[in-house]
Amino acid sequence: MKISDYLQKENCITDLKASTKQEAIIEIADKLYSCGKVIDKERFIHDVLRREELGSTGIGHKVAIPHSPTEGVGGFVIGFGRSIGGIDFDSIDADKVNLIFLMGTNPGELGLYLRLLAKLSKLLNDENFRRELIAAENADEAVSIFKRYEM
């Protein structure tokens, strides 16, 4: 099981238009919904934003992983958004975020969700991986970077 098994180019936005945390979550959720990955978009967004109220998912190093268990999805979903200018995500290092990974799972899939969240976190600890994702020119390239680093 790999992140790249779930993250397809159709789930990626390499030129986010959003300028706020909430706008970014909504923009990526819209993309996941349009790809058929989300059952109830409003519920999904609500649950992720409610989770953000508990504490920012801006983990530092220009990365945020907004996520939540939710009945708004049928299984595990992940979307990727890149903001060139960066978005204030109330990150632990107070830096703006360029890489945003929006994740959700049906509560019945929590084990898979936690394993994939751990794998994503491990990948994001690699500075070269982050740098390549920030420089990716399009969604195809972003997904191929994942595949290369997951080997």
N, C-alpha and C. Protein backbone atom coordinates (compact mmCIF):
# COMPACT_ATOMS: atom_id res chain seq x y z
N MET A 1 0.83 -1.18 0.00
CA MET A 1 0.00 0.00 0.00
C MET A 1 0.88 1.24 0.00
N LYS A 2 0.63 2.11 -0.98
CA LYS A 2 1.41 3.32 -1.17
C LYS A 2 0.47 4.51 -1.34
N ILE A 3 0.99 5.69 -1.03
CA ILE A 3 0.22 6.92 -1.26
C ILE A 3 -0.14 7.01 -2.74
N SER A 4 0.81 6.65 -3.61
CA SER A 4 0.58 6.75 -5.05
C SER A 4 -0.51 5.80 -5.55
N ASP A 5 -0.92 4.84 -4.73
CA ASP A 5 -2.06 3.99 -5.09
C ASP A 5 -3.37 4.79 -5.03
N TYR A 6 -3.36 5.88 -4.27
CA TYR A 6 -4.57 6.68 -4.05
C TYR A 6 -4.47 8.07 -4.66
N LEU A 7 -3.27 8.58 -4.82
CA LEU A 7 -3.09 9.93 -5.35
C LEU A 7 -2.87 9.87 -6.85
N GLN A 8 -3.89 10.21 -7.61
CA GLN A 8 -3.79 10.24 -9.06
C GLN A 8 -3.71 11.70 -9.53
N LYS A 9 -3.29 11.88 -10.76
CA LYS A 9 -3.13 13.25 -11.28
C LYS A 9 -4.46 14.01 -11.24
N GLU A 10 -5.56 13.31 -11.35
CA GLU A 10 -6.87 13.96 -11.31
C GLU A 10 -7.17 14.57 -9.93
N ASN A 11 -6.44 14.14 -8.91
CA ASN A 11 -6.64 14.61 -7.53
C ASN A 11 -5.68 15.73 -7.17
N CYS A 12 -4.89 16.19 -8.14
CA CYS A 12 -3.83 17.17 -7.86
C CYS A 12 -4.11 18.52 -8.51
N ILE A 13 -3.77 19.57 -7.78
CA ILE A 13 -3.84 20.94 -8.30
C ILE A 13 -2.46 21.54 -8.06
N THR A 14 -1.74 21.82 -9.12
CA THR A 14 -0.39 22.36 -8.95
C THR A 14 -0.35 23.88 -9.01
N ASP A 15 -1.51 24.50 -9.15
CA ASP A 15 -1.58 25.97 -9.17
C ASP A 15 -2.81 26.44 -8.38
N LEU A 16 -2.81 26.15 -7.08
CA LEU A 16 -3.94 26.56 -6.25
C LEU A 16 -4.20 28.06 -6.39
N LYS A 17 -5.46 28.41 -6.47
CA LYS A 17 -5.86 29.82 -6.53
C LYS A 17 -6.14 30.38 -5.14
N ALA A 18 -6.35 29.51 -4.18
CA ALA A 18 -6.73 29.89 -2.81
C ALA A 18 -5.68 30.80 -2.18
N SER A 19 -6.16 31.67 -1.30
CA SER A 19 -5.24 32.55 -0.56
C SER A 19 -5.37 32.35 0.94
N THR A 20 -6.34 31.51 1.36
CA THR A 20 -6.51 31.22 2.79
C THR A 20 -6.59 29.71 3.00
N LYS A 21 -6.42 29.32 4.25
CA LYS A 21 -6.51 27.90 4.61
C LYS A 21 -7.87 27.32 4.21
N GLN A 22 -8.94 28.02 4.56
CA GLN A 22 -10.28 27.52 4.25
C GLN A 22 -10.49 27.41 2.74
N GLU A 23 -10.07 28.43 2.00
CA GLU A 23 -10.21 28.39 0.54
C GLU A 23 -9.43 27.21 -0.07
N ALA A 24 -8.24 26.94 0.46
CA ALA A 24 -7.43 25.83 -0.05
C ALA A 24 -8.12 24.50 0.19
N ILE A 25 -8.65 24.31 1.39
CA ILE A 25 -9.36 23.07 1.71
C ILE A 25 -10.56 22.90 0.78
N ILE A 26 -11.31 23.96 0.58
CA ILE A 26 -12.49 23.90 -0.29
C ILE A 26 -12.08 23.62 -1.74
N GLU A 27 -11.03 24.28 -2.22
CA GLU A 27 -10.59 24.09 -3.61
C GLU A 27 -10.16 22.64 -3.87
N ILE A 28 -9.40 22.06 -2.94
CA ILE A 28 -8.96 20.68 -3.12
C ILE A 28 -10.14 19.72 -2.95
N ALA A 29 -11.03 20.01 -2.00
CA ALA A 29 -12.23 19.18 -1.82
C ALA A 29 -13.11 19.22 -3.07
N ASP A 30 -13.23 20.37 -3.69
CA ASP A 30 -14.00 20.48 -4.94
C ASP A 30 -13.40 19.57 -6.01
N LYS A 31 -12.07 19.56 -6.08
CA LYS A 31 -11.38 18.71 -7.07
C LYS A 31 -11.68 17.23 -6.79
N LEU A 32 -11.56 16.83 -5.52
CA LEU A 32 -11.85 15.44 -5.16
C LEU A 32 -13.31 15.08 -5.47
N TYR A 33 -14.21 16.01 -5.21
CA TYR A 33 -15.63 15.77 -5.48
C TYR A 33 -15.87 15.62 -6.98
N SER A 34 -15.26 16.49 -7.77
CA SER A 34 -15.47 16.43 -9.23
C SER A 34 -14.89 15.15 -9.83
N CYS A 35 -13.93 14.54 -9.13
CA CYS A 35 -13.35 13.26 -9.58
C CYS A 35 -14.13 12.06 -9.06
N GLY A 36 -15.18 12.31 -8.28
CA GLY A 36 -15.99 11.23 -7.75
C GLY A 36 -15.42 10.58 -6.50
N LYS A 37 -14.45 11.22 -5.85
CA LYS A 37 -13.81 10.64 -4.67
C LYS A 37 -14.54 10.97 -3.37
N VAL A 38 -15.41 11.98 -3.42
CA VAL A 38 -16.12 12.44 -2.24
C VAL A 38 -17.62 12.26 -2.46
N ILE A 39 -18.30 11.68 -1.48
CA ILE A 39 -19.73 11.43 -1.56
C ILE A 39 -20.53 12.68 -1.20
N ASP A 40 -20.16 13.29 -0.08
CA ASP A 40 -20.86 14.46 0.45
C ASP A 40 -19.82 15.55 0.71
N LYS A 41 -19.69 16.44 -0.27
CA LYS A 41 -18.64 17.47 -0.22
C LYS A 41 -18.80 18.39 0.99
N GLU A 42 -20.01 18.82 1.27
CA GLU A 42 -20.22 19.74 2.39
C GLU A 42 -19.85 19.09 3.72
N ARG A 43 -20.21 17.84 3.89
CA ARG A 43 -19.87 17.11 5.11
C ARG A 43 -18.36 16.96 5.24
N PHE A 44 -17.70 16.59 4.15
CA PHE A 44 -16.25 16.42 4.12
C PHE A 44 -15.56 17.73 4.53
N ILE A 45 -15.93 18.82 3.89
CA ILE A 45 -15.32 20.13 4.20
C ILE A 45 -15.59 20.51 5.65
N HIS A 46 -16.82 20.34 6.09
CA HIS A 46 -17.18 20.66 7.47
C HIS A 46 -16.32 19.89 8.46
N ASP A 47 -16.16 18.58 8.24
CA ASP A 47 -15.40 17.75 9.17
C ASP A 47 -13.92 18.13 9.18
N VAL A 48 -13.36 18.44 8.01
CA VAL A 48 -11.95 18.83 7.94
C VAL A 48 -11.75 20.18 8.63
N LEU A 49 -12.63 21.13 8.38
CA LEU A 49 -12.49 22.44 9.02
C LEU A 49 -12.69 22.34 10.54
N ARG A 50 -13.59 21.47 10.97
CA ARG A 50 -13.78 21.26 12.41
C ARG A 50 -12.50 20.69 13.02
N ARG A 51 -11.85 19.77 12.31
CA ARG A 51 -10.58 19.22 12.79
C ARG A 51 -9.51 20.31 12.88
N GLU A 52 -9.49 21.23 11.93
CA GLU A 52 -8.54 22.34 11.94
C GLU A 52 -8.72 23.24 13.16
N GLU A 53 -9.96 23.35 13.64
CA GLU A 53 -10.23 24.16 14.82
C GLU A 53 -9.55 23.59 16.07
N LEU A 54 -9.32 22.29 16.07
CA LEU A 54 -8.66 21.64 17.22
C LEU A 54 -7.17 21.95 17.24
N GLY A 55 -6.61 22.29 16.12
CA GLY A 55 -5.19 22.59 16.00
C GLY A 55 -4.80 22.53 14.55
N SER A 56 -3.94 23.43 14.14
CA SER A 56 -3.54 23.48 12.75
C SER A 56 -2.83 22.21 12.32
N THR A 57 -3.08 21.82 11.08
CA THR A 57 -2.39 20.68 10.49
C THR A 57 -1.20 21.16 9.65
N GLY A 58 -0.81 22.41 9.83
CA GLY A 58 0.42 22.92 9.23
C GLY A 58 1.58 22.36 10.04
N ILE A 59 2.28 21.38 9.47
CA ILE A 59 3.27 20.62 10.25
C ILE A 59 4.69 21.18 10.14
N GLY A 60 4.85 22.29 9.44
CA GLY A 60 6.18 22.87 9.26
C GLY A 60 6.76 22.46 7.92
N HIS A 61 7.90 23.08 7.58
CA HIS A 61 8.60 22.80 6.32
C HIS A 61 7.72 23.08 5.10
N LYS A 62 6.81 24.07 5.24
CA LYS A 62 5.94 24.50 4.13
C LYS A 62 4.88 23.46 3.75
N VAL A 63 4.50 22.61 4.73
CA VAL A 63 3.57 21.51 4.48
C VAL A 63 2.38 21.57 5.43
N ALA A 64 1.20 21.25 4.91
CA ALA A 64 0.00 21.07 5.73
C ALA A 64 -0.70 19.79 5.29
N ILE A 65 -1.28 19.08 6.27
CA ILE A 65 -2.03 17.85 5.98
C ILE A 65 -3.40 17.94 6.66
N PRO A 66 -4.29 18.79 6.13
CA PRO A 66 -5.64 18.81 6.70
C PRO A 66 -6.31 17.45 6.47
N HIS A 67 -6.94 16.93 7.50
CA HIS A 67 -7.49 15.58 7.41
C HIS A 67 -8.59 15.38 8.44
N SER A 68 -9.40 14.36 8.19
CA SER A 68 -10.45 14.02 9.15
C SER A 68 -11.11 12.70 8.77
N PRO A 69 -11.47 11.90 9.79
CA PRO A 69 -12.43 10.83 9.51
C PRO A 69 -13.77 11.51 9.19
N THR A 70 -14.50 10.99 8.23
CA THR A 70 -15.74 11.64 7.83
C THR A 70 -16.66 10.67 7.10
N GLU A 71 -17.93 10.84 7.30
CA GLU A 71 -18.93 10.08 6.54
C GLU A 71 -19.10 10.66 5.14
N GLY A 72 -18.38 11.76 4.84
CA GLY A 72 -18.48 12.41 3.53
C GLY A 72 -17.75 11.68 2.42
N VAL A 73 -16.98 10.64 2.78
CA VAL A 73 -16.25 9.86 1.78
C VAL A 73 -16.56 8.39 1.98
N GLY A 74 -16.41 7.60 0.92
CA GLY A 74 -16.71 6.18 1.01
C GLY A 74 -15.56 5.33 1.50
N GLY A 75 -14.36 5.83 1.36
CA GLY A 75 -13.14 5.12 1.76
C GLY A 75 -12.05 6.15 1.97
N PHE A 76 -10.81 5.76 1.76
CA PHE A 76 -9.71 6.70 1.91
C PHE A 76 -9.59 7.57 0.66
N VAL A 77 -9.41 8.89 0.85
CA VAL A 77 -9.18 9.82 -0.26
C VAL A 77 -8.03 10.75 0.10
N ILE A 78 -7.29 11.14 -0.93
CA ILE A 78 -6.23 12.13 -0.75
C ILE A 78 -6.17 13.01 -1.98
N GLY A 79 -6.04 14.30 -1.74
CA GLY A 79 -5.84 15.27 -2.81
C GLY A 79 -4.62 16.11 -2.48
N PHE A 80 -3.99 16.63 -3.50
CA PHE A 80 -2.78 17.44 -3.34
C PHE A 80 -2.98 18.79 -3.98
N GLY A 81 -2.57 19.83 -3.28
CA GLY A 81 -2.58 21.17 -3.83
C GLY A 81 -1.26 21.86 -3.56
N ARG A 82 -0.76 22.57 -4.57
CA ARG A 82 0.46 23.33 -4.40
C ARG A 82 0.16 24.81 -4.61
N SER A 83 0.59 25.61 -3.65
CA SER A 83 0.46 27.06 -3.73
C SER A 83 1.85 27.64 -3.94
N ILE A 84 2.05 28.30 -5.04
CA ILE A 84 3.37 28.87 -5.34
C ILE A 84 3.71 29.96 -4.33
N GLY A 85 2.78 30.84 -4.05
CA GLY A 85 3.04 31.97 -3.14
C GLY A 85 2.97 31.60 -1.68
N GLY A 86 2.37 30.48 -1.37
CA GLY A 86 2.22 30.05 0.01
C GLY A 86 0.94 30.58 0.65
N ILE A 87 0.45 29.81 1.62
CA ILE A 87 -0.80 30.13 2.33
C ILE A 87 -0.52 30.06 3.82
N ASP A 88 -1.04 31.04 4.56
CA ASP A 88 -0.91 31.02 6.01
C ASP A 88 -1.82 29.91 6.55
N PHE A 89 -1.22 28.91 7.19
CA PHE A 89 -1.95 27.76 7.72
C PHE A 89 -1.81 27.66 9.23
N ASP A 90 -1.33 28.75 9.85
CA ASP A 90 -1.04 28.72 11.29
C ASP A 90 -0.10 27.56 11.62
N SER A 91 0.90 27.36 10.76
CA SER A 91 1.83 26.25 10.93
C SER A 91 2.66 26.37 12.19
N ILE A 92 3.15 25.23 12.66
CA ILE A 92 3.92 25.22 13.89
C ILE A 92 5.22 26.03 13.77
N ASP A 93 5.74 26.19 12.55
CA ASP A 93 6.94 26.99 12.38
C ASP A 93 6.62 28.41 11.90
N ALA A 94 5.33 28.76 11.84
CA ALA A 94 4.83 30.08 11.45
C ALA A 94 5.15 30.44 9.99
N ASP A 95 5.62 29.49 9.22
CA ASP A 95 5.93 29.72 7.81
C ASP A 95 4.68 29.45 6.96
N LYS A 96 4.63 30.06 5.79
CA LYS A 96 3.54 29.79 4.87
C LYS A 96 3.70 28.39 4.29
N VAL A 97 2.58 27.83 3.84
CA VAL A 97 2.52 26.47 3.32
C VAL A 97 2.44 26.49 1.80
N ASN A 98 3.26 25.65 1.16
CA ASN A 98 3.20 25.49 -0.29
C ASN A 98 2.58 24.16 -0.70
N LEU A 99 2.73 23.14 0.14
CA LEU A 99 2.25 21.80 -0.17
C LEU A 99 1.13 21.42 0.79
N ILE A 100 -0.04 21.13 0.22
CA ILE A 100 -1.21 20.79 1.04
C ILE A 100 -1.74 19.44 0.58
N PHE A 101 -1.87 18.54 1.54
CA PHE A 101 -2.41 17.21 1.28
C PHE A 101 -3.70 17.08 2.06
N LEU A 102 -4.82 17.05 1.36
CA LEU A 102 -6.14 16.93 1.99
C LEU A 102 -6.52 15.46 2.02
N MET A 103 -6.76 14.95 3.24
CA MET A 103 -7.07 13.53 3.40
C MET A 103 -8.37 13.34 4.16
N GLY A 104 -9.07 12.30 3.79
CA GLY A 104 -10.27 11.92 4.51
C GLY A 104 -10.47 10.43 4.41
N THR A 105 -11.19 9.91 5.37
CA THR A 105 -11.51 8.49 5.31
C THR A 105 -12.83 8.24 6.00
N ASN A 106 -13.52 7.25 5.52
CA ASN A 106 -14.71 6.79 6.22
C ASN A 106 -14.25 6.22 7.55
N PRO A 107 -14.97 6.45 8.63
CA PRO A 107 -14.54 5.95 9.94
C PRO A 107 -14.24 4.45 9.99
N GLY A 108 -14.79 3.68 9.09
CA GLY A 108 -14.51 2.25 9.04
C GLY A 108 -13.14 1.90 8.48
N GLU A 109 -12.43 2.88 7.95
CA GLU A 109 -11.12 2.67 7.33
C GLU A 109 -9.99 3.34 8.12
N LEU A 110 -10.17 3.53 9.42
CA LEU A 110 -9.19 4.28 10.21
C LEU A 110 -7.80 3.65 10.21
N GLY A 111 -7.70 2.34 10.20
CA GLY A 111 -6.40 1.67 10.20
C GLY A 111 -5.60 2.03 8.96
N LEU A 112 -6.22 1.93 7.80
CA LEU A 112 -5.57 2.28 6.54
C LEU A 112 -5.18 3.76 6.55
N TYR A 113 -6.09 4.58 6.98
CA TYR A 113 -5.90 6.03 7.05
C TYR A 113 -4.67 6.38 7.89
N LEU A 114 -4.54 5.77 9.05
CA LEU A 114 -3.41 6.06 9.94
C LEU A 114 -2.10 5.56 9.34
N ARG A 115 -2.12 4.41 8.68
CA ARG A 115 -0.90 3.90 8.04
C ARG A 115 -0.45 4.82 6.90
N LEU A 116 -1.41 5.28 6.09
CA LEU A 116 -1.06 6.16 4.97
C LEU A 116 -0.63 7.55 5.47
N LEU A 117 -1.24 8.03 6.53
CA LEU A 117 -0.82 9.30 7.12
C LEU A 117 0.62 9.19 7.61
N ALA A 118 0.98 8.07 8.22
CA ALA A 118 2.35 7.86 8.68
C ALA A 118 3.32 7.79 7.50
N LYS A 119 2.93 7.11 6.43
CA LYS A 119 3.80 7.02 5.23
C LYS A 119 4.01 8.40 4.61
N LEU A 120 2.93 9.17 4.53
CA LEU A 120 3.04 10.52 3.97
C LEU A 120 3.95 11.38 4.83
N SER A 121 3.79 11.30 6.13
CA SER A 121 4.63 12.09 7.04
C SER A 121 6.10 11.73 6.88
N LYS A 122 6.38 10.44 6.72
CA LYS A 122 7.77 10.00 6.54
C LYS A 122 8.34 10.55 5.23
N LEU A 123 7.58 10.48 4.15
CA LEU A 123 8.03 11.04 2.87
C LEU A 123 8.32 12.53 2.99
N LEU A 124 7.45 13.23 3.71
CA LEU A 124 7.57 14.69 3.81
C LEU A 124 8.72 15.13 4.70
N ASN A 125 9.31 14.20 5.43
CA ASN A 125 10.51 14.52 6.21
C ASN A 125 11.73 14.67 5.31
N ASP A 126 11.64 14.19 4.07
CA ASP A 126 12.75 14.25 3.13
C ASP A 126 12.73 15.61 2.41
N GLU A 127 13.76 16.40 2.67
CA GLU A 127 13.84 17.74 2.09
C GLU A 127 13.86 17.71 0.56
N ASN A 128 14.54 16.74 -0.03
CA ASN A 128 14.59 16.65 -1.49
C ASN A 128 13.21 16.34 -2.07
N PHE A 129 12.46 15.48 -1.40
CA PHE A 129 11.10 15.16 -1.84
C PHE A 129 10.25 16.43 -1.85
N ARG A 130 10.30 17.18 -0.74
CA ARG A 130 9.51 18.42 -0.65
C ARG A 130 9.93 19.41 -1.74
N ARG A 131 11.22 19.56 -1.93
CA ARG A 131 11.73 20.51 -2.92
C ARG A 131 11.26 20.13 -4.33
N GLU A 132 11.30 18.83 -4.64
CA GLU A 132 10.85 18.38 -5.96
C GLU A 132 9.35 18.61 -6.16
N LEU A 133 8.56 18.37 -5.12
CA LEU A 133 7.12 18.61 -5.24
C LEU A 133 6.82 20.10 -5.45
N ILE A 134 7.54 20.95 -4.74
CA ILE A 134 7.33 22.39 -4.92
C ILE A 134 7.68 22.80 -6.34
N ALA A 135 8.68 22.15 -6.94
CA ALA A 135 9.12 22.49 -8.30
C ALA A 135 8.36 21.76 -9.40
N ALA A 136 7.50 20.80 -9.06
CA ALA A 136 6.77 20.02 -10.07
C ALA A 136 6.00 20.96 -11.00
N GLU A 137 6.11 20.70 -12.29
CA GLU A 137 5.47 21.57 -13.27
C GLU A 137 4.00 21.25 -13.50
N ASN A 138 3.60 20.01 -13.18
CA ASN A 138 2.20 19.64 -13.40
C ASN A 138 1.85 18.43 -12.53
N ALA A 139 0.60 18.02 -12.61
CA ALA A 139 0.11 16.91 -11.78
C ALA A 139 0.79 15.59 -12.13
N ASP A 140 1.04 15.35 -13.41
CA ASP A 140 1.74 14.12 -13.80
C ASP A 140 3.10 14.03 -13.13
N GLU A 141 3.82 15.13 -13.13
CA GLU A 141 5.15 15.15 -12.51
C GLU A 141 5.05 14.95 -11.00
N ALA A 142 4.07 15.56 -10.36
CA ALA A 142 3.89 15.40 -8.91
C ALA A 142 3.66 13.93 -8.56
N VAL A 143 2.79 13.26 -9.30
CA VAL A 143 2.51 11.85 -9.03
C VAL A 143 3.75 10.99 -9.31
N SER A 144 4.49 11.30 -10.36
CA SER A 144 5.69 10.52 -10.65
C SER A 144 6.75 10.71 -9.57
N ILE A 145 6.82 11.87 -8.95
CA ILE A 145 7.74 12.10 -7.83
C ILE A 145 7.37 11.18 -6.68
N PHE A 146 6.08 11.09 -6.38
CA PHE A 146 5.63 10.16 -5.33
C PHE A 146 6.06 8.74 -5.64
N LYS A 147 5.81 8.30 -6.85
CA LYS A 147 6.13 6.91 -7.23
C LYS A 147 7.62 6.65 -7.10
N ARG A 148 8.43 7.60 -7.50
CA ARG A 148 9.88 7.42 -7.43
C ARG A 148 10.36 7.32 -5.98
N TYR A 149 9.83 8.17 -5.10
CA TYR A 149 10.27 8.16 -3.71
C TYR A 149 9.68 7.00 -2.91
N GLU A 150 8.59 6.43 -3.40
CA GLU A 150 7.97 5.31 -2.68
C GLU A 150 8.59 3.96 -3.05
N MET A 151 9.48 3.93 -4.00
CA MET A 151 10.10 2.65 -4.41
C MET A 151 10.98 2.09 -3.32
